[in-house]
Amino acid sequence: MGALDTPAAISDQCPRHQPDQKDAVVTKSRRIIIAATIAALALLGIGAWALGQRAGGDRFAGCTQGAAGGGMESFGGPFTLTDENGKRVTDREVFTKPTLLYFGYTFCPDVCPMDGARNAQAVDLLKEAGHDVGTVFVTVDPKRDTPEALRDFTDALHPNMLGLTGSPEEIAAVNKQWRNYFKAHDDGDPYYLVDHMTNTFLVLPDAGTVEFFTREVTPEDMASRVACFVKADRKI
């Protein structure tokens, strides 16, 4: 009687398969297919991630109307200035809520008061609609715009408008960050004029500068456009 075959014995009795050239080709083809599949899945994953990033970055796409070279992300930056009460403040302390930012000066004969009044009216319209939006006035004339002068000017426009000043170097730096051109014609006349751009910027605490408004924009249109950004920002 023969002994029972053990697994080892069966293995030893089975003839070993010798791979031929056809098997080698099939194996190589399988490896190529597997590698290609992995690469395709990786590309799909990267594409999905990129689309997700783009979708997140374009959450304001339905609100944006202004177009600027370099994109709105090229506007703004950190700063430390002096507010109308003489306190040193940083950008993080200033932009704690959606804020309309304007650059001007208190001796401005017409443009700045009109733009400031327009911004103040837009803020009031937004408040009526349930949106808490601030407004900030940064001087382009630090020589004459002391904290006291700024406080008198901003209080006349809106009780919650904040005026900011600083040293000539600080004011030059913050204007450069928002790409705001200005030039003082200080010829010794105490009522000298200052050339400056007149855009108003919308700054959100987390997103930064997201939009700008020209002088032609009405308070109603400004309020409507700002509300769009505020609502979109809340959906994050």
C-alpha atoms as a PDB file:
ATOM      1  CA  MET A   1       0.000   0.000   0.000  1.00  0.00           C
ATOM      2  CA  GLY A   2       1.404   3.214  -0.979  1.00  0.00           C
ATOM      3  CA  ALA A   3       1.723   6.073   1.423  1.00  0.00           C
ATOM      4  CA  LEU A   4      -0.742   8.997   1.300  1.00  0.00           C
ATOM      5  CA  ASP A   5       0.485  11.826  -0.863  1.00  0.00           C
ATOM      6  CA  THR A   6       1.359  14.904   1.162  1.00  0.00           C
ATOM      7  CA  PRO A   7       1.167  18.401  -0.335  1.00  0.00           C
ATOM      8  CA  ALA A   8       4.927  18.384  -0.577  1.00  0.00           C
ATOM      9  CA  ALA A   9       4.899  15.109  -2.390  1.00  0.00           C
ATOM     10  CA  ILE A  10       2.254  16.263  -4.833  1.00  0.00           C
ATOM     11  CA  SER A  11       4.251  19.398  -5.493  1.00  0.00           C
ATOM     12  CA  ASP A  12       7.327  17.348  -6.157  1.00  0.00           C
ATOM     13  CA  GLN A  13       5.448  15.057  -8.519  1.00  0.00           C
ATOM     14  CA  CYS A  14       3.951  17.846 -10.659  1.00  0.00           C
ATOM     15  CA  PRO A  15       6.118  18.855 -13.587  1.00  0.00           C
ATOM     16  CA  ARG A  16       7.317  22.480 -13.292  1.00  0.00           C
ATOM     17  CA  HIS A  17       6.005  24.843 -15.972  1.00  0.00           C
ATOM     18  CA  GLN A  18       8.733  26.438 -18.008  1.00  0.00           C
ATOM     19  CA  PRO A  19       7.668  29.932 -19.246  1.00  0.00           C
ATOM     20  CA  ASP A  20       8.002  30.351 -22.967  1.00  0.00           C
ATOM     21  CA  GLN A  21       8.419  33.560 -25.023  1.00  0.00           C
ATOM     22  CA  LYS A  22       4.636  34.021 -25.322  1.00  0.00           C
ATOM     23  CA  ASP A  23       4.243  34.073 -21.531  1.00  0.00           C
ATOM     24  CA  ALA A  24       6.965  36.698 -21.246  1.00  0.00           C
ATOM     25  CA  VAL A  25       5.195  38.950 -23.762  1.00  0.00           C
ATOM     26  CA  VAL A  26       1.859  38.587 -21.921  1.00  0.00           C
ATOM     27  CA  THR A  27       3.489  39.383 -18.579  1.00  0.00           C
ATOM     28  CA  LYS A  28       5.185  42.456 -20.005  1.00  0.00           C
ATOM     29  CA  SER A  29       1.911  43.642 -21.553  1.00  0.00           C
ATOM     30  CA  ARG A  30       0.115  43.256 -18.235  1.00  0.00           C
ATOM     31  CA  ARG A  31       2.774  45.300 -16.487  1.00  0.00           C
ATOM     32  CA  ILE A  32       2.447  48.055 -19.087  1.00  0.00           C
ATOM     33  CA  ILE A  33      -1.353  48.090 -18.709  1.00  0.00           C
ATOM     34  CA  ILE A  34      -1.116  48.230 -14.908  1.00  0.00           C
ATOM     35  CA  ALA A  35       1.436  51.053 -15.037  1.00  0.00           C
ATOM     36  CA  ALA A  36      -0.694  52.996 -17.517  1.00  0.00           C
ATOM     37  CA  THR A  37      -3.786  52.528 -15.349  1.00  0.00           C
ATOM     38  CA  ILE A  38      -1.975  53.800 -12.252  1.00  0.00           C
ATOM     39  CA  ALA A  39      -0.701  56.822 -14.179  1.00  0.00           C
ATOM     40  CA  ALA A  40      -4.194  57.585 -15.510  1.00  0.00           C
ATOM     41  CA  LEU A  41      -5.704  57.364 -12.022  1.00  0.00           C
ATOM     42  CA  ALA A  42      -3.010  59.679 -10.709  1.00  0.00           C
ATOM     43  CA  LEU A  43      -3.752  62.218 -13.442  1.00  0.00           C
ATOM     44  CA  LEU A  44      -7.465  62.012 -12.703  1.00  0.00           C
ATOM     45  CA  GLY A  45      -6.754  62.628  -9.039  1.00  0.00           C
ATOM     46  CA  ILE A  46      -4.593  65.655  -9.813  1.00  0.00           C
ATOM     47  CA  GLY A  47      -7.240  66.981 -12.193  1.00  0.00           C
ATOM     48  CA  ALA A  48      -9.979  66.605  -9.601  1.00  0.00           C
ATOM     49  CA  TRP A  49      -7.825  68.381  -7.024  1.00  0.00           C
ATOM     50  CA  ALA A  50      -7.107  71.228  -9.452  1.00  0.00           C
ATOM     51  CA  LEU A  51     -10.789  71.622 -10.269  1.00  0.00           C
ATOM     52  CA  GLY A  52     -11.579  71.716  -6.586  1.00  0.00           C
ATOM     53  CA  GLN A  53      -8.971  74.398  -6.031  1.00  0.00           C
ATOM     54  CA  ARG A  54     -10.290  76.416  -8.966  1.00  0.00           C
ATOM     55  CA  ALA A  55     -13.872  76.114  -7.781  1.00  0.00           C
ATOM     56  CA  GLY A  56     -12.882  77.324  -4.335  1.00  0.00           C
ATOM     57  CA  GLY A  57     -10.900  80.241  -5.730  1.00  0.00           C
ATOM     58  CA  ASP A  58     -13.775  81.309  -7.991  1.00  0.00           C
ATOM     59  CA  ARG A  59     -16.452  81.527  -5.340  1.00  0.00           C
ATOM     60  CA  PHE A  60     -16.732  85.241  -6.169  1.00  0.00           C
ATOM     61  CA  ALA A  61     -16.953  84.687  -9.934  1.00  0.00           C
ATOM     62  CA  GLY A  62     -20.623  85.645  -9.993  1.00  0.00           C
ATOM     63  CA  CYS A  63     -19.899  88.915  -8.184  1.00  0.00           C
ATOM     64  CA  THR A  64     -16.733  90.238  -9.821  1.00  0.00           C
ATOM     65  CA  GLN A  65     -17.117  93.030 -12.362  1.00  0.00           C
ATOM     66  CA  GLY A  66     -13.825  94.883 -12.064  1.00  0.00           C
ATOM     67  CA  ALA A  67     -10.804  93.698 -14.058  1.00  0.00           C
ATOM     68  CA  ALA A  68      -7.243  94.490 -13.012  1.00  0.00           C
ATOM     69  CA  GLY A  69      -3.920  93.448 -14.473  1.00  0.00           C
ATOM     70  CA  GLY A  70      -2.313  90.849 -12.243  1.00  0.00           C
ATOM     71  CA  GLY A  71      -5.651  89.988 -10.632  1.00  0.00           C
ATOM     72  CA  MET A  72      -7.148  91.339  -7.423  1.00  0.00           C
ATOM     73  CA  GLU A  73      -4.759  89.177  -5.409  1.00  0.00           C
ATOM     74  CA  SER A  74      -2.007  91.616  -6.413  1.00  0.00           C
ATOM     75  CA  PHE A  75      -3.642  94.360  -4.315  1.00  0.00           C
ATOM     76  CA  GLY A  76      -3.072  94.835  -0.606  1.00  0.00           C
ATOM     77  CA  GLY A  77      -0.671  93.685   2.059  1.00  0.00           C
ATOM     78  CA  PRO A  78       0.207  94.003   5.740  1.00  0.00           C
ATOM     79  CA  PHE A  79       0.650  97.432   7.290  1.00  0.00           C
ATOM     80  CA  THR A  80       0.861  99.326  10.556  1.00  0.00           C
ATOM     81  CA  LEU A  81      -0.588 102.847  10.562  1.00  0.00           C
ATOM     82  CA  THR A  82      -1.974 105.409  13.010  1.00  0.00           C
ATOM     83  CA  ASP A  83      -5.734 105.716  13.310  1.00  0.00           C
ATOM     84  CA  GLU A  84      -7.730 108.902  13.852  1.00  0.00           C
ATOM     85  CA  ASN A  85      -7.515 108.407  17.616  1.00  0.00           C
ATOM     86  CA  GLY A  86      -3.720 108.274  17.606  1.00  0.00           C
ATOM     87  CA  LYS A  87      -3.572 104.499  18.085  1.00  0.00           C
ATOM     88  CA  ARG A  88      -1.184 102.322  16.098  1.00  0.00           C
ATOM     89  CA  VAL A  89      -3.154  99.634  14.273  1.00  0.00           C
ATOM     90  CA  THR A  90      -2.370  96.783  11.889  1.00  0.00           C
ATOM     91  CA  ASP A  91      -4.262  95.641   8.816  1.00  0.00           C
ATOM     92  CA  ARG A  92      -5.639  92.694  10.807  1.00  0.00           C
ATOM     93  CA  GLU A  93      -7.103  95.084  13.351  1.00  0.00           C
ATOM     94  CA  VAL A  94      -8.584  97.306  10.644  1.00  0.00           C
ATOM     95  CA  PHE A  95     -10.117  94.652   8.376  1.00  0.00           C
ATOM     96  CA  THR A  96     -12.143  92.680  10.908  1.00  0.00           C
ATOM     97  CA  LYS A  97     -15.210  92.683   8.645  1.00  0.00           C
ATOM     98  CA  PRO A  98     -15.965  93.463   4.990  1.00  0.00           C
ATOM     99  CA  THR A  99     -14.575  96.958   4.448  1.00  0.00           C
ATOM    100  CA  LEU A 100     -14.652  99.655   1.778  1.00  0.00           C
ATOM    101  CA  LEU A 101     -11.162 101.151   1.497  1.00  0.00           C
ATOM    102  CA  TYR A 102     -10.488 104.570  -0.043  1.00  0.00           C
ATOM    103  CA  PHE A 103      -7.346 106.698  -0.444  1.00  0.00           C
ATOM    104  CA  GLY A 104      -7.715 110.488  -0.325  1.00  0.00           C
ATOM    105  CA  TYR A 105      -6.993 113.577   1.770  1.00  0.00           C
ATOM    106  CA  THR A 106      -8.955 115.972   3.946  1.00  0.00           C
ATOM    107  CA  PHE A 107      -7.969 119.125   2.010  1.00  0.00           C
ATOM    108  CA  CYS A 108      -9.428 117.612  -1.168  1.00  0.00           C
ATOM    109  CA  PRO A 109     -11.874 120.228  -2.511  1.00  0.00           C
ATOM    110  CA  ASP A 110     -14.487 117.965  -4.090  1.00  0.00           C
ATOM    111  CA  VAL A 111     -13.645 114.411  -5.187  1.00  0.00           C
ATOM    112  CA  CYS A 112     -12.773 112.897  -1.802  1.00  0.00           C
ATOM    113  CA  PRO A 113     -15.807 114.248   0.087  1.00  0.00           C
ATOM    114  CA  MET A 114     -18.102 113.082  -2.708  1.00  0.00           C
ATOM    115  CA  ASP A 115     -16.556 109.611  -2.896  1.00  0.00           C
ATOM    116  CA  GLY A 116     -16.521 109.326   0.888  1.00  0.00           C
ATOM    117  CA  ALA A 117     -20.190 110.293   1.063  1.00  0.00           C
ATOM    118  CA  ARG A 118     -21.020 107.723  -1.638  1.00  0.00           C
ATOM    119  CA  ASN A 119     -19.196 105.002   0.305  1.00  0.00           C
ATOM    120  CA  ALA A 120     -20.938 106.020   3.529  1.00  0.00           C
ATOM    121  CA  GLN A 121     -24.328 105.830   1.840  1.00  0.00           C
ATOM    122  CA  ALA A 122     -23.523 102.371   0.468  1.00  0.00           C
ATOM    123  CA  VAL A 123     -22.575 101.197   3.967  1.00  0.00           C
ATOM    124  CA  ASP A 124     -25.919 102.436   5.314  1.00  0.00           C
ATOM    125  CA  LEU A 125     -27.795 100.652   2.521  1.00  0.00           C
ATOM    126  CA  LEU A 126     -25.918  97.457   3.330  1.00  0.00           C
ATOM    127  CA  LYS A 127     -26.789  97.821   7.007  1.00  0.00           C
ATOM    128  CA  GLU A 128     -30.466  98.096   6.103  1.00  0.00           C
ATOM    129  CA  ALA A 129     -30.063  94.827   4.189  1.00  0.00           C
ATOM    130  CA  GLY A 130     -28.498  93.133   7.218  1.00  0.00           C
ATOM    131  CA  HIS A 131     -24.817  93.366   6.234  1.00  0.00           C
ATOM    132  CA  ASP A 132     -22.224  94.839   8.594  1.00  0.00           C
ATOM    133  CA  VAL A 133     -19.660  96.586   6.381  1.00  0.00           C
ATOM    134  CA  GLY A 134     -17.024  99.086   7.446  1.00  0.00           C
ATOM    135  CA  THR A 135     -15.422 101.986   5.616  1.00  0.00           C
ATOM    136  CA  VAL A 136     -11.824 103.205   5.894  1.00  0.00           C
ATOM    137  CA  PHE A 137     -10.193 106.407   4.628  1.00  0.00           C
ATOM    138  CA  VAL A 138      -6.386 106.299   4.216  1.00  0.00           C
ATOM    139  CA  THR A 139      -4.689 109.634   3.638  1.00  0.00           C
ATOM    140  CA  VAL A 140      -2.353 110.396   0.751  1.00  0.00           C
ATOM    141  CA  ASP A 141      -1.318 113.614   2.524  1.00  0.00           C
ATOM    142  CA  PRO A 142       0.350 112.682   5.833  1.00  0.00           C
ATOM    143  CA  LYS A 143       1.908 116.140   6.170  1.00  0.00           C
ATOM    144  CA  ARG A 144      -1.438 117.840   6.815  1.00  0.00           C
ATOM    145  CA  ASP A 145      -3.698 114.925   7.744  1.00  0.00           C
ATOM    146  CA  THR A 146      -3.093 114.520  11.451  1.00  0.00           C
ATOM    147  CA  PRO A 147      -5.253 112.062  13.412  1.00  0.00           C
ATOM    148  CA  GLU A 148      -7.370 114.995  14.612  1.00  0.00           C
ATOM    149  CA  ALA A 149      -7.887 116.339  11.088  1.00  0.00           C
ATOM    150  CA  LEU A 150      -8.862 112.879   9.879  1.00  0.00           C
ATOM    151  CA  ARG A 151     -11.305 112.372  12.740  1.00  0.00           C
ATOM    152  CA  ASP A 152     -13.117 115.627  11.967  1.00  0.00           C
ATOM    153  CA  PHE A 153     -13.271 114.711   8.282  1.00  0.00           C
ATOM    154  CA  THR A 154     -14.467 111.112   8.669  1.00  0.00           C
ATOM    155  CA  ASP A 155     -16.977 111.913  11.418  1.00  0.00           C
ATOM    156  CA  ALA A 156     -18.617 114.415   9.092  1.00  0.00           C
ATOM    157  CA  LEU A 157     -19.072 111.660   6.494  1.00  0.00           C
ATOM    158  CA  HIS A 158     -20.043 108.689   8.653  1.00  0.00           C
ATOM    159  CA  PRO A 159     -19.824 107.991  12.400  1.00  0.00           C
ATOM    160  CA  ASN A 160     -18.173 104.617  11.775  1.00  0.00           C
ATOM    161  CA  MET A 161     -15.693 105.677   9.098  1.00  0.00           C
ATOM    162  CA  LEU A 162     -12.098 105.136  10.235  1.00  0.00           C
ATOM    163  CA  GLY A 163      -9.303 107.476   9.169  1.00  0.00           C
ATOM    164  CA  LEU A 164      -5.704 106.261   8.913  1.00  0.00           C
ATOM    165  CA  THR A 165      -2.451 108.183   8.595  1.00  0.00           C
ATOM    166  CA  GLY A 166       1.237 107.525   9.195  1.00  0.00           C
ATOM    167  CA  SER A 167       4.723 108.641   8.324  1.00  0.00           C
ATOM    168  CA  PRO A 168       5.432 109.599   4.695  1.00  0.00           C
ATOM    169  CA  GLU A 169       7.217 106.275   4.271  1.00  0.00           C
ATOM    170  CA  GLU A 170       4.308 104.281   5.711  1.00  0.00           C
ATOM    171  CA  ILE A 171       1.770 106.102   3.567  1.00  0.00           C
ATOM    172  CA  ALA A 172       3.890 105.592   0.447  1.00  0.00           C
ATOM    173  CA  ALA A 173       4.171 101.877   1.241  1.00  0.00           C
ATOM    174  CA  VAL A 174       0.468 101.257   1.845  1.00  0.00           C
ATOM    175  CA  ASN A 175      -0.496 103.165  -1.306  1.00  0.00           C
ATOM    176  CA  LYS A 176       1.974 101.070  -3.275  1.00  0.00           C
ATOM    177  CA  GLN A 177       0.425  97.888  -1.884  1.00  0.00           C
ATOM    178  CA  TRP A 178      -2.937  98.903  -3.336  1.00  0.00           C
ATOM    179  CA  ARG A 179      -1.297 100.250  -6.504  1.00  0.00           C
ATOM    180  CA  ASN A 180      -2.676 103.702  -5.764  1.00  0.00           C
ATOM    181  CA  TYR A 181      -0.797 106.504  -7.498  1.00  0.00           C
ATOM    182  CA  PHE A 182      -0.550 109.881  -5.736  1.00  0.00           C
ATOM    183  CA  LYS A 183       1.577 113.000  -6.022  1.00  0.00           C
ATOM    184  CA  ALA A 184       1.523 116.065  -3.775  1.00  0.00           C
ATOM    185  CA  HIS A 185       2.078 119.471  -5.380  1.00  0.00           C
ATOM    186  CA  ASP A 186       3.550 121.001  -2.242  1.00  0.00           C
ATOM    187  CA  ASP A 187       4.802 124.368  -3.480  1.00  0.00           C
ATOM    188  CA  GLY A 188       4.539 126.122  -0.141  1.00  0.00           C
ATOM    189  CA  ASP A 189       0.869 127.000  -0.501  1.00  0.00           C
ATOM    190  CA  PRO A 190      -0.974 125.642   2.575  1.00  0.00           C
ATOM    191  CA  TYR A 191      -3.824 124.604   0.285  1.00  0.00           C
ATOM    192  CA  TYR A 192      -1.729 122.640  -2.199  1.00  0.00           C
ATOM    193  CA  LEU A 193      -3.456 119.850  -4.114  1.00  0.00           C
ATOM    194  CA  VAL A 194      -2.626 116.153  -4.277  1.00  0.00           C
ATOM    195  CA  ASP A 195      -3.167 114.082  -7.408  1.00  0.00           C
ATOM    196  CA  HIS A 196      -4.406 110.588  -6.605  1.00  0.00           C
ATOM    197  CA  MET A 197      -6.432 107.695  -7.955  1.00  0.00           C
ATOM    198  CA  THR A 198     -10.041 107.436  -6.830  1.00  0.00           C
ATOM    199  CA  ASN A 199     -10.863 103.732  -6.705  1.00  0.00           C
ATOM    200  CA  THR A 200     -12.616 102.235  -3.704  1.00  0.00           C
ATOM    201  CA  PHE A 201     -11.594  98.685  -2.771  1.00  0.00           C
ATOM    202  CA  LEU A 202     -13.571  95.941  -1.071  1.00  0.00           C
ATOM    203  CA  VAL A 203     -11.444  94.054   1.454  1.00  0.00           C
ATOM    204  CA  LEU A 204     -12.638  90.868   3.172  1.00  0.00           C
ATOM    205  CA  PRO A 205     -10.932  89.677   6.384  1.00  0.00           C
ATOM    206  CA  ASP A 206      -9.889  86.267   5.046  1.00  0.00           C
ATOM    207  CA  ALA A 207      -9.986  86.709   1.272  1.00  0.00           C
ATOM    208  CA  GLY A 208      -8.181  90.064   1.068  1.00  0.00           C
ATOM    209  CA  THR A 209      -8.959  92.603  -1.663  1.00  0.00           C
ATOM    210  CA  VAL A 210     -11.613  91.113  -3.939  1.00  0.00           C
ATOM    211  CA  GLU A 211     -13.047  94.028  -5.926  1.00  0.00           C
ATOM    212  CA  PHE A 212     -12.711  97.710  -6.773  1.00  0.00           C
ATOM    213  CA  PHE A 213     -15.253 100.387  -7.645  1.00  0.00           C
ATOM    214  CA  THR A 214     -14.757 103.439  -9.837  1.00  0.00           C
ATOM    215  CA  ARG A 215     -16.221 106.875  -9.142  1.00  0.00           C
ATOM    216  CA  GLU A 216     -19.092 106.259 -11.545  1.00  0.00           C
ATOM    217  CA  VAL A 217     -20.585 103.492  -9.404  1.00  0.00           C
ATOM    218  CA  THR A 218     -23.711 104.605  -7.536  1.00  0.00           C
ATOM    219  CA  PRO A 219     -24.307 103.887  -3.833  1.00  0.00           C
ATOM    220  CA  GLU A 220     -27.080 101.455  -4.773  1.00  0.00           C
ATOM    221  CA  ASP A 221     -24.927  99.562  -7.262  1.00  0.00           C
ATOM    222  CA  MET A 222     -22.014  99.466  -4.839  1.00  0.00           C
ATOM    223  CA  ALA A 223     -24.220  98.120  -2.052  1.00  0.00           C
ATOM    224  CA  SER A 224     -25.640  95.440  -4.342  1.00  0.00           C
ATOM    225  CA  ARG A 225     -22.219  94.296  -5.514  1.00  0.00           C
ATOM    226  CA  VAL A 226     -20.736  94.295  -2.017  1.00  0.00           C
ATOM    227  CA  ALA A 227     -23.696  92.248  -0.756  1.00  0.00           C
ATOM    228  CA  CYS A 228     -22.956  89.638  -3.430  1.00  0.00           C
ATOM    229  CA  PHE A 229     -19.396  89.216  -2.140  1.00  0.00           C
ATOM    230  CA  VAL A 230     -20.498  89.113   1.488  1.00  0.00           C
ATOM    231  CA  LYS A 231     -23.062  86.391   0.785  1.00  0.00           C
ATOM    232  CA  ALA A 232     -20.582  84.352  -1.267  1.00  0.00           C
ATOM    233  CA  ASP A 233     -17.982  84.652   1.486  1.00  0.00           C
ATOM    234  CA  ARG A 234     -20.438  83.307   4.065  1.00  0.00           C
ATOM    235  CA  LYS A 235     -20.990  80.125   2.027  1.00  0.00           C
ATOM    236  CA  ILE A 236     -17.460  78.848   2.655  1.00  0.00           C
END
